[in-house]
Structures are given as C-alpha cells and as structure tokens.
Amino acid sequence: MSTIWVVLIAIVALIAGVALGFFLARKYMMDYLKKNPPINEQMLRTLMMQMGQKPSQKKINQMMRSMNDQMDKK
C-alpha cells in the first residue's frame, strides 16, 4: 500500500514540476523579448532600404510602435 502512495506522489510531483517549469520559462522568455526586441530601428531601416524604400524617421517610428503594440497584446 505504501508503494502505491510513493508512486502516486512521484507522478504528481513530476507533473507539478513540468507545469511550473513551463510557466517560469514562458515568463522568462516574454520578459527577455520585451527588454531585447528581435528587431531594432537600424535593422528596420536596413530592411526598408533593401526593399527599395527610402525610410523616413516617422515611418520607422510608426512601424516600431506597431510592433511594440503587438508584443504588448501577446
């Protein structure tokens, strides 16, 4: 009877550990991406120039703001 309890407790602890690890890793990645966005203004300017557009600062600011708004919604 005590073996069943040990196995049951081990399974519950494993499931709790996996769930807790998932949510902690998710929180860490969301904070990391908020502090270090994958695209900055210089990358955006280079990308627009490669597409043949002449980027104005106003257009870059609009695109950065829209990208940040999308990150905040997630």
PDB file of N, CA and C in Angstrom:
ATOM      1  N   MET A   1       0.822  -1.198   0.000  1.00  0.00           N
ATOM      2  CA  MET A   1       0.000   0.000   0.000  1.00  0.00           C
ATOM      3  C   MET A   1       0.862   1.256   0.000  1.00  0.00           C
ATOM      4  N   SER A   2       1.985   1.253   0.733  1.00  0.00           N
ATOM      5  CA  SER A   2       2.816   2.448   0.790  1.00  0.00           C
ATOM      6  C   SER A   2       3.560   2.667  -0.529  1.00  0.00           C
ATOM      7  N   THR A   3       3.811   1.600  -1.288  1.00  0.00           N
ATOM      8  CA  THR A   3       4.465   1.742  -2.590  1.00  0.00           C
ATOM      9  C   THR A   3       3.573   2.520  -3.551  1.00  0.00           C
ATOM     10  N   ILE A   4       2.287   2.288  -3.479  1.00  0.00           N
ATOM     11  CA  ILE A   4       1.342   2.996  -4.344  1.00  0.00           C
ATOM     12  C   ILE A   4       1.374   4.489  -4.038  1.00  0.00           C
ATOM     13  N   TRP A   5       1.442   4.839  -2.769  1.00  0.00           N
ATOM     14  CA  TRP A   5       1.491   6.250  -2.375  1.00  0.00           C
ATOM     15  C   TRP A   5       2.770   6.920  -2.859  1.00  0.00           C
ATOM     16  N   VAL A   6       3.878   6.205  -2.764  1.00  0.00           N
ATOM     17  CA  VAL A   6       5.152   6.767  -3.215  1.00  0.00           C
ATOM     18  C   VAL A   6       5.111   7.035  -4.722  1.00  0.00           C
ATOM     19  N   VAL A   7       4.597   6.083  -5.486  1.00  0.00           N
ATOM     20  CA  VAL A   7       4.499   6.237  -6.938  1.00  0.00           C
ATOM     21  C   VAL A   7       3.534   7.373  -7.275  1.00  0.00           C
ATOM     22  N   LEU A   8       2.418   7.446  -6.597  1.00  0.00           N
ATOM     23  CA  LEU A   8       1.436   8.493  -6.837  1.00  0.00           C
ATOM     24  C   LEU A   8       2.007   9.879  -6.532  1.00  0.00           C
ATOM     25  N   ILE A   9       2.704   9.997  -5.429  1.00  0.00           N
ATOM     26  CA  ILE A   9       3.322  11.280  -5.066  1.00  0.00           C
ATOM     27  C   ILE A   9       4.400  11.660  -6.081  1.00  0.00           C
ATOM     28  N   ALA A  10       5.172  10.692  -6.551  1.00  0.00           N
ATOM     29  CA  ALA A  10       6.209  10.963  -7.539  1.00  0.00           C
ATOM     30  C   ALA A  10       5.597  11.457  -8.854  1.00  0.00           C
ATOM     31  N   ILE A  11       4.507  10.851  -9.274  1.00  0.00           N
ATOM     32  CA  ILE A  11       3.844  11.261 -10.511  1.00  0.00           C
ATOM     33  C   ILE A  11       3.279  12.673 -10.372  1.00  0.00           C
ATOM     34  N   VAL A  12       2.639  12.962  -9.245  1.00  0.00           N
ATOM     35  CA  VAL A  12       2.078  14.293  -9.012  1.00  0.00           C
ATOM     36  C   VAL A  12       3.196  15.335  -8.962  1.00  0.00           C
ATOM     37  N   ALA A  13       4.308  15.019  -8.310  1.00  0.00           N
ATOM     38  CA  ALA A  13       5.433  15.952  -8.235  1.00  0.00           C
ATOM     39  C   ALA A  13       6.040  16.184  -9.620  1.00  0.00           C
ATOM     40  N   LEU A  14       6.116  15.157 -10.428  1.00  0.00           N
ATOM     41  CA  LEU A  14       6.643  15.298 -11.788  1.00  0.00           C
ATOM     42  C   LEU A  14       5.743  16.208 -12.631  1.00  0.00           C
ATOM     43  N   ILE A  15       4.450  15.988 -12.558  1.00  0.00           N
ATOM     44  CA  ILE A  15       3.513  16.815 -13.316  1.00  0.00           C
ATOM     45  C   ILE A  15       3.570  18.269 -12.839  1.00  0.00           C
ATOM     46  N   ALA A  16       3.621  18.484 -11.538  1.00  0.00           N
ATOM     47  CA  ALA A  16       3.708  19.849 -10.996  1.00  0.00           C
ATOM     48  C   ALA A  16       5.018  20.511 -11.421  1.00  0.00           C
ATOM     49  N   GLY A  17       6.110  19.785 -11.416  1.00  0.00           N
ATOM     50  CA  GLY A  17       7.401  20.328 -11.824  1.00  0.00           C
ATOM     51  C   GLY A  17       7.423  20.722 -13.292  1.00  0.00           C
ATOM     52  N   VAL A  18       6.838  19.895 -14.139  1.00  0.00           N
ATOM     53  CA  VAL A  18       6.786  20.206 -15.570  1.00  0.00           C
ATOM     54  C   VAL A  18       5.932  21.448 -15.805  1.00  0.00           C
ATOM     55  N   ALA A  19       4.774  21.520 -15.147  1.00  0.00           N
ATOM     56  CA  ALA A  19       3.896  22.684 -15.321  1.00  0.00           C
ATOM     57  C   ALA A  19       4.573  23.955 -14.812  1.00  0.00           C
ATOM     58  N   LEU A  20       5.183  23.890 -13.652  1.00  0.00           N
ATOM     59  CA  LEU A  20       5.854  25.056 -13.084  1.00  0.00           C
ATOM     60  C   LEU A  20       7.034  25.481 -13.962  1.00  0.00           C
ATOM     61  N   GLY A  21       7.802  24.544 -14.454  1.00  0.00           N
ATOM     62  CA  GLY A  21       8.928  24.845 -15.338  1.00  0.00           C
ATOM     63  C   GLY A  21       8.479  25.502 -16.626  1.00  0.00           C
ATOM     64  N   PHE A  22       7.374  25.023 -17.188  1.00  0.00           N
ATOM     65  CA  PHE A  22       6.850  25.608 -18.423  1.00  0.00           C
ATOM     66  C   PHE A  22       6.474  27.069 -18.209  1.00  0.00           C
ATOM     67  N   PHE A  23       5.727  27.357 -17.149  1.00  0.00           N
ATOM     68  CA  PHE A  23       5.278  28.727 -16.933  1.00  0.00           C
ATOM     69  C   PHE A  23       6.428  29.659 -16.558  1.00  0.00           C
ATOM     70  N   LEU A  24       7.402  29.178 -15.819  1.00  0.00           N
ATOM     71  CA  LEU A  24       8.560  30.011 -15.500  1.00  0.00           C
ATOM     72  C   LEU A  24       9.382  30.306 -16.758  1.00  0.00           C
ATOM     73  N   ALA A  25       9.575  29.316 -17.601  1.00  0.00           N
ATOM     74  CA  ALA A  25      10.323  29.527 -18.843  1.00  0.00           C
ATOM     75  C   ALA A  25       9.580  30.490 -19.767  1.00  0.00           C
ATOM     76  N   ARG A  26       8.264  30.369 -19.827  1.00  0.00           N
ATOM     77  CA  ARG A  26       7.461  31.268 -20.665  1.00  0.00           C
ATOM     78  C   ARG A  26       7.570  32.707 -20.166  1.00  0.00           C
ATOM     79  N   LYS A  27       7.476  32.905 -18.870  1.00  0.00           N
ATOM     80  CA  LYS A  27       7.578  34.243 -18.279  1.00  0.00           C
ATOM     81  C   LYS A  27       8.959  34.837 -18.556  1.00  0.00           C
ATOM     82  N   TYR A  28      10.009  34.031 -18.400  1.00  0.00           N
ATOM     83  CA  TYR A  28      11.366  34.492 -18.645  1.00  0.00           C
ATOM     84  C   TYR A  28      11.537  34.943 -20.099  1.00  0.00           C
ATOM     85  N   MET A  29      11.042  34.147 -21.053  1.00  0.00           N
ATOM     86  CA  MET A  29      11.185  34.492 -22.469  1.00  0.00           C
ATOM     87  C   MET A  29      10.381  35.738 -22.835  1.00  0.00           C
ATOM     88  N   MET A  30       9.195  35.899 -22.275  1.00  0.00           N
ATOM     89  CA  MET A  30       8.397  37.094 -22.565  1.00  0.00           C
ATOM     90  C   MET A  30       9.112  38.341 -22.050  1.00  0.00           C
ATOM     91  N   ASP A  31       9.671  38.271 -20.848  1.00  0.00           N
ATOM     92  CA  ASP A  31      10.417  39.411 -20.305  1.00  0.00           C
ATOM     93  C   ASP A  31      11.671  39.691 -21.128  1.00  0.00           C
ATOM     94  N   TYR A  32      12.367  38.648 -21.542  1.00  0.00           N
ATOM     95  CA  TYR A  32      13.588  38.810 -22.327  1.00  0.00           C
ATOM     96  C   TYR A  32      13.285  39.484 -23.662  1.00  0.00           C
ATOM     97  N   LEU A  33      12.224  39.026 -24.336  1.00  0.00           N
ATOM     98  CA  LEU A  33      11.877  39.608 -25.631  1.00  0.00           C
ATOM     99  C   LEU A  33      11.376  41.037 -25.494  1.00  0.00           C
ATOM    100  N   LYS A  34      10.757  41.361 -24.374  1.00  0.00           N
ATOM    101  CA  LYS A  34      10.307  42.739 -24.168  1.00  0.00           C
ATOM    102  C   LYS A  34      11.504  43.666 -23.968  1.00  0.00           C
ATOM    103  N   LYS A  35      12.514  43.197 -23.234  1.00  0.00           N
ATOM    104  CA  LYS A  35      13.705  44.015 -22.984  1.00  0.00           C
ATOM    105  C   LYS A  35      14.643  44.043 -24.184  1.00  0.00           C
ATOM    106  N   ASN A  36      14.694  42.970 -24.955  1.00  0.00           N
ATOM    107  CA  ASN A  36      15.592  42.855 -26.115  1.00  0.00           C
ATOM    108  C   ASN A  36      14.783  42.464 -27.343  1.00  0.00           C
ATOM    109  N   PRO A  37      14.099  43.427 -27.950  1.00  0.00           N
ATOM    110  CA  PRO A  37      13.279  43.073 -29.117  1.00  0.00           C
ATOM    111  C   PRO A  37      14.141  42.515 -30.240  1.00  0.00           C
ATOM    112  N   PRO A  38      13.589  41.579 -31.001  1.00  0.00           N
ATOM    113  CA  PRO A  38      14.374  40.950 -32.059  1.00  0.00           C
ATOM    114  C   PRO A  38      14.706  41.895 -33.214  1.00  0.00           C
ATOM    115  N   ILE A  39      13.941  42.969 -33.390  1.00  0.00           N
ATOM    116  CA  ILE A  39      14.203  43.929 -34.473  1.00  0.00           C
ATOM    117  C   ILE A  39      14.317  45.320 -33.867  1.00  0.00           C
ATOM    118  N   ASN A  40      15.394  46.023 -34.187  1.00  0.00           N
ATOM    119  CA  ASN A  40      15.539  47.396 -33.708  1.00  0.00           C
ATOM    120  C   ASN A  40      15.421  48.361 -34.892  1.00  0.00           C
ATOM    121  N   GLU A  41      15.563  49.655 -34.621  1.00  0.00           N
ATOM    122  CA  GLU A  41      15.369  50.664 -35.673  1.00  0.00           C
ATOM    123  C   GLU A  41      16.389  50.522 -36.807  1.00  0.00           C
ATOM    124  N   GLN A  42      17.620  50.220 -36.466  1.00  0.00           N
ATOM    125  CA  GLN A  42      18.653  50.088 -37.507  1.00  0.00           C
ATOM    126  C   GLN A  42      18.345  48.911 -38.432  1.00  0.00           C
ATOM    127  N   MET A  43      17.907  47.786 -37.866  1.00  0.00           N
ATOM    128  CA  MET A  43      17.558  46.633 -38.695  1.00  0.00           C
ATOM    129  C   MET A  43      16.370  46.958 -39.599  1.00  0.00           C
ATOM    130  N   LEU A  44      15.396  47.679 -39.050  1.00  0.00           N
ATOM    131  CA  LEU A  44      14.219  48.048 -39.818  1.00  0.00           C
ATOM    132  C   LEU A  44      14.585  48.997 -40.962  1.00  0.00           C
ATOM    133  N   ARG A  45      15.469  49.945 -40.689  1.00  0.00           N
ATOM    134  CA  ARG A  45      15.923  50.889 -41.724  1.00  0.00           C
ATOM    135  C   ARG A  45      16.650  50.132 -42.845  1.00  0.00           C
ATOM    136  N   THR A  46      17.517  49.206 -42.480  1.00  0.00           N
ATOM    137  CA  THR A  46      18.251  48.411 -43.479  1.00  0.00           C
ATOM    138  C   THR A  46      17.293  47.566 -44.308  1.00  0.00           C
ATOM    139  N   LEU A  47      16.320  46.974 -43.654  1.00  0.00           N
ATOM    140  CA  LEU A  47      15.348  46.141 -44.352  1.00  0.00           C
ATOM    141  C   LEU A  47      14.553  46.960 -45.364  1.00  0.00           C
ATOM    142  N   MET A  48      14.117  48.157 -44.966  1.00  0.00           N
ATOM    143  CA  MET A  48      13.355  49.005 -45.883  1.00  0.00           C
ATOM    144  C   MET A  48      14.217  49.453 -47.063  1.00  0.00           C
ATOM    145  N   MET A  49      15.477  49.759 -46.801  1.00  0.00           N
ATOM    146  CA  MET A  49      16.365  50.169 -47.891  1.00  0.00           C
ATOM    147  C   MET A  49      16.597  49.017 -48.867  1.00  0.00           C
ATOM    148  N   GLN A  50      16.678  47.791 -48.372  1.00  0.00           N
ATOM    149  CA  GLN A  50      16.853  46.638 -49.249  1.00  0.00           C
ATOM    150  C   GLN A  50      15.622  46.401 -50.112  1.00  0.00           C
ATOM    151  N   MET A  51      14.449  46.802 -49.591  1.00  0.00           N
ATOM    152  CA  MET A  51      13.215  46.657 -50.373  1.00  0.00           C
ATOM    153  C   MET A  51      13.019  47.813 -51.340  1.00  0.00           C
ATOM    154  N   GLY A  52      13.940  48.748 -51.365  1.00  0.00           N
ATOM    155  CA  GLY A  52      13.866  49.846 -52.313  1.00  0.00           C
ATOM    156  C   GLY A  52      13.111  51.059 -51.806  1.00  0.00           C
ATOM    157  N   GLN A  53      12.831  51.106 -50.517  1.00  0.00           N
ATOM    158  CA  GLN A  53      12.129  52.257 -49.954  1.00  0.00           C
ATOM    159  C   GLN A  53      13.128  53.179 -49.269  1.00  0.00           C
ATOM    160  N   LYS A  54      12.828  54.463 -49.275  1.00  0.00           N
ATOM    161  CA  LYS A  54      13.658  55.411 -48.538  1.00  0.00           C
ATOM    162  C   LYS A  54      12.954  55.646 -47.203  1.00  0.00           C
ATOM    163  N   PRO A  55      13.494  55.075 -46.133  1.00  0.00           N
ATOM    164  CA  PRO A  55      12.785  55.155 -44.854  1.00  0.00           C
ATOM    165  C   PRO A  55      12.915  56.527 -44.203  1.00  0.00           C
ATOM    166  N   SER A  56      11.777  57.094 -43.830  1.00  0.00           N
ATOM    167  CA  SER A  56      11.797  58.327 -43.051  1.00  0.00           C
ATOM    168  C   SER A  56      11.721  57.936 -41.568  1.00  0.00           C
ATOM    169  N   GLN A  57      12.161  58.819 -40.708  1.00  0.00           N
ATOM    170  CA  GLN A  57      12.137  58.527 -39.274  1.00  0.00           C
ATOM    171  C   GLN A  57      10.700  58.342 -38.794  1.00  0.00           C
ATOM    172  N   LYS A  58       9.767  59.089 -39.373  1.00  0.00           N
ATOM    173  CA  LYS A  58       8.360  58.973 -38.989  1.00  0.00           C
ATOM    174  C   LYS A  58       7.837  57.570 -39.299  1.00  0.00           C
ATOM    175  N   LYS A  59       8.156  57.057 -40.481  1.00  0.00           N
ATOM    176  CA  LYS A  59       7.701  55.728 -40.891  1.00  0.00           C
ATOM    177  C   LYS A  59       8.327  54.648 -40.003  1.00  0.00           C
ATOM    178  N   ILE A  60       9.594  54.794 -39.682  1.00  0.00           N
ATOM    179  CA  ILE A  60      10.261  53.825 -38.813  1.00  0.00           C
ATOM    180  C   ILE A  60       9.639  53.838 -37.418  1.00  0.00           C
ATOM    181  N   ASN A  61       9.353  55.041 -36.906  1.00  0.00           N
ATOM    182  CA  ASN A  61       8.724  55.141 -35.583  1.00  0.00           C
ATOM    183  C   ASN A  61       7.345  54.495 -35.580  1.00  0.00           C
ATOM    184  N   GLN A  62       6.578  54.673 -36.658  1.00  0.00           N
ATOM    185  CA  GLN A  62       5.262  54.049 -36.751  1.00  0.00           C
ATOM    186  C   GLN A  62       5.374  52.529 -36.750  1.00  0.00           C
ATOM    187  N   MET A  63       6.316  52.002 -37.516  1.00  0.00           N
ATOM    188  CA  MET A  63       6.477  50.550 -37.591  1.00  0.00           C
ATOM    189  C   MET A  63       6.948  49.980 -36.255  1.00  0.00           C
ATOM    190  N   MET A  64       7.881  50.660 -35.597  1.00  0.00           N
ATOM    191  CA  MET A  64       8.351  50.195 -34.291  1.00  0.00           C
ATOM    192  C   MET A  64       7.217  50.232 -33.264  1.00  0.00           C
ATOM    193  N   ARG A  65       6.405  51.289 -33.299  1.00  0.00           N
ATOM    194  CA  ARG A  65       5.294  51.402 -32.361  1.00  0.00           C
ATOM    195  C   ARG A  65       4.283  50.280 -32.593  1.00  0.00           C
ATOM    196  N   SER A  66       3.981  49.978 -33.853  1.00  0.00           N
ATOM    197  CA  SER A  66       3.018  48.912 -34.144  1.00  0.00           C
ATOM    198  C   SER A  66       3.568  47.544 -33.720  1.00  0.00           C
ATOM    199  N   MET A  67       4.875  47.325 -33.902  1.00  0.00           N
ATOM    200  CA  MET A  67       5.473  46.060 -33.466  1.00  0.00           C
ATOM    201  C   MET A  67       5.439  45.945 -31.951  1.00  0.00           C
ATOM    202  N   ASN A  68       5.716  47.042 -31.243  1.00  0.00           N
ATOM    203  CA  ASN A  68       5.677  47.015 -29.778  1.00  0.00           C
ATOM    204  C   ASN A  68       4.258  46.809 -29.269  1.00  0.00           C
ATOM    205  N   ASP A  69       3.280  47.390 -29.958  1.00  0.00           N
ATOM    206  CA  ASP A  69       1.880  47.187 -29.566  1.00  0.00           C
ATOM    207  C   ASP A  69       1.491  45.722 -29.716  1.00  0.00           C
ATOM    208  N   GLN A  70       1.947  45.077 -30.787  1.00  0.00           N
ATOM    209  CA  GLN A  70       1.650  43.666 -30.978  1.00  0.00           C
ATOM    210  C   GLN A  70       2.300  42.807 -29.905  1.00  0.00           C
ATOM    211  N   MET A  71       3.518  43.166 -29.489  1.00  0.00           N
ATOM    212  CA  MET A  71       4.197  42.414 -28.422  1.00  0.00           C
ATOM    213  C   MET A  71       3.448  42.574 -27.103  1.00  0.00           C
ATOM    214  N   ASP A  72       2.907  43.770 -26.853  1.00  0.00           N
ATOM    215  CA  ASP A  72       2.188  44.009 -25.601  1.00  0.00           C
ATOM    216  C   ASP A  72       0.880  43.242 -25.553  1.00  0.00           C
ATOM    217  N   LYS A  73       0.232  43.068 -26.710  1.00  0.00           N
ATOM    218  CA  LYS A  73      -1.033  42.337 -26.752  1.00  0.00           C
ATOM    219  C   LYS A  73      -0.836  40.870 -26.454  1.00  0.00           C
ATOM    220  N   LYS A  74       0.300  40.325 -26.837  1.00  0.00           N
ATOM    221  CA  LYS A  74       0.570  38.905 -26.582  1.00  0.00           C
ATOM    222  C   LYS A  74       0.926  38.749 -25.146  1.00  0.00           C
TER     223      LYS A  74
END
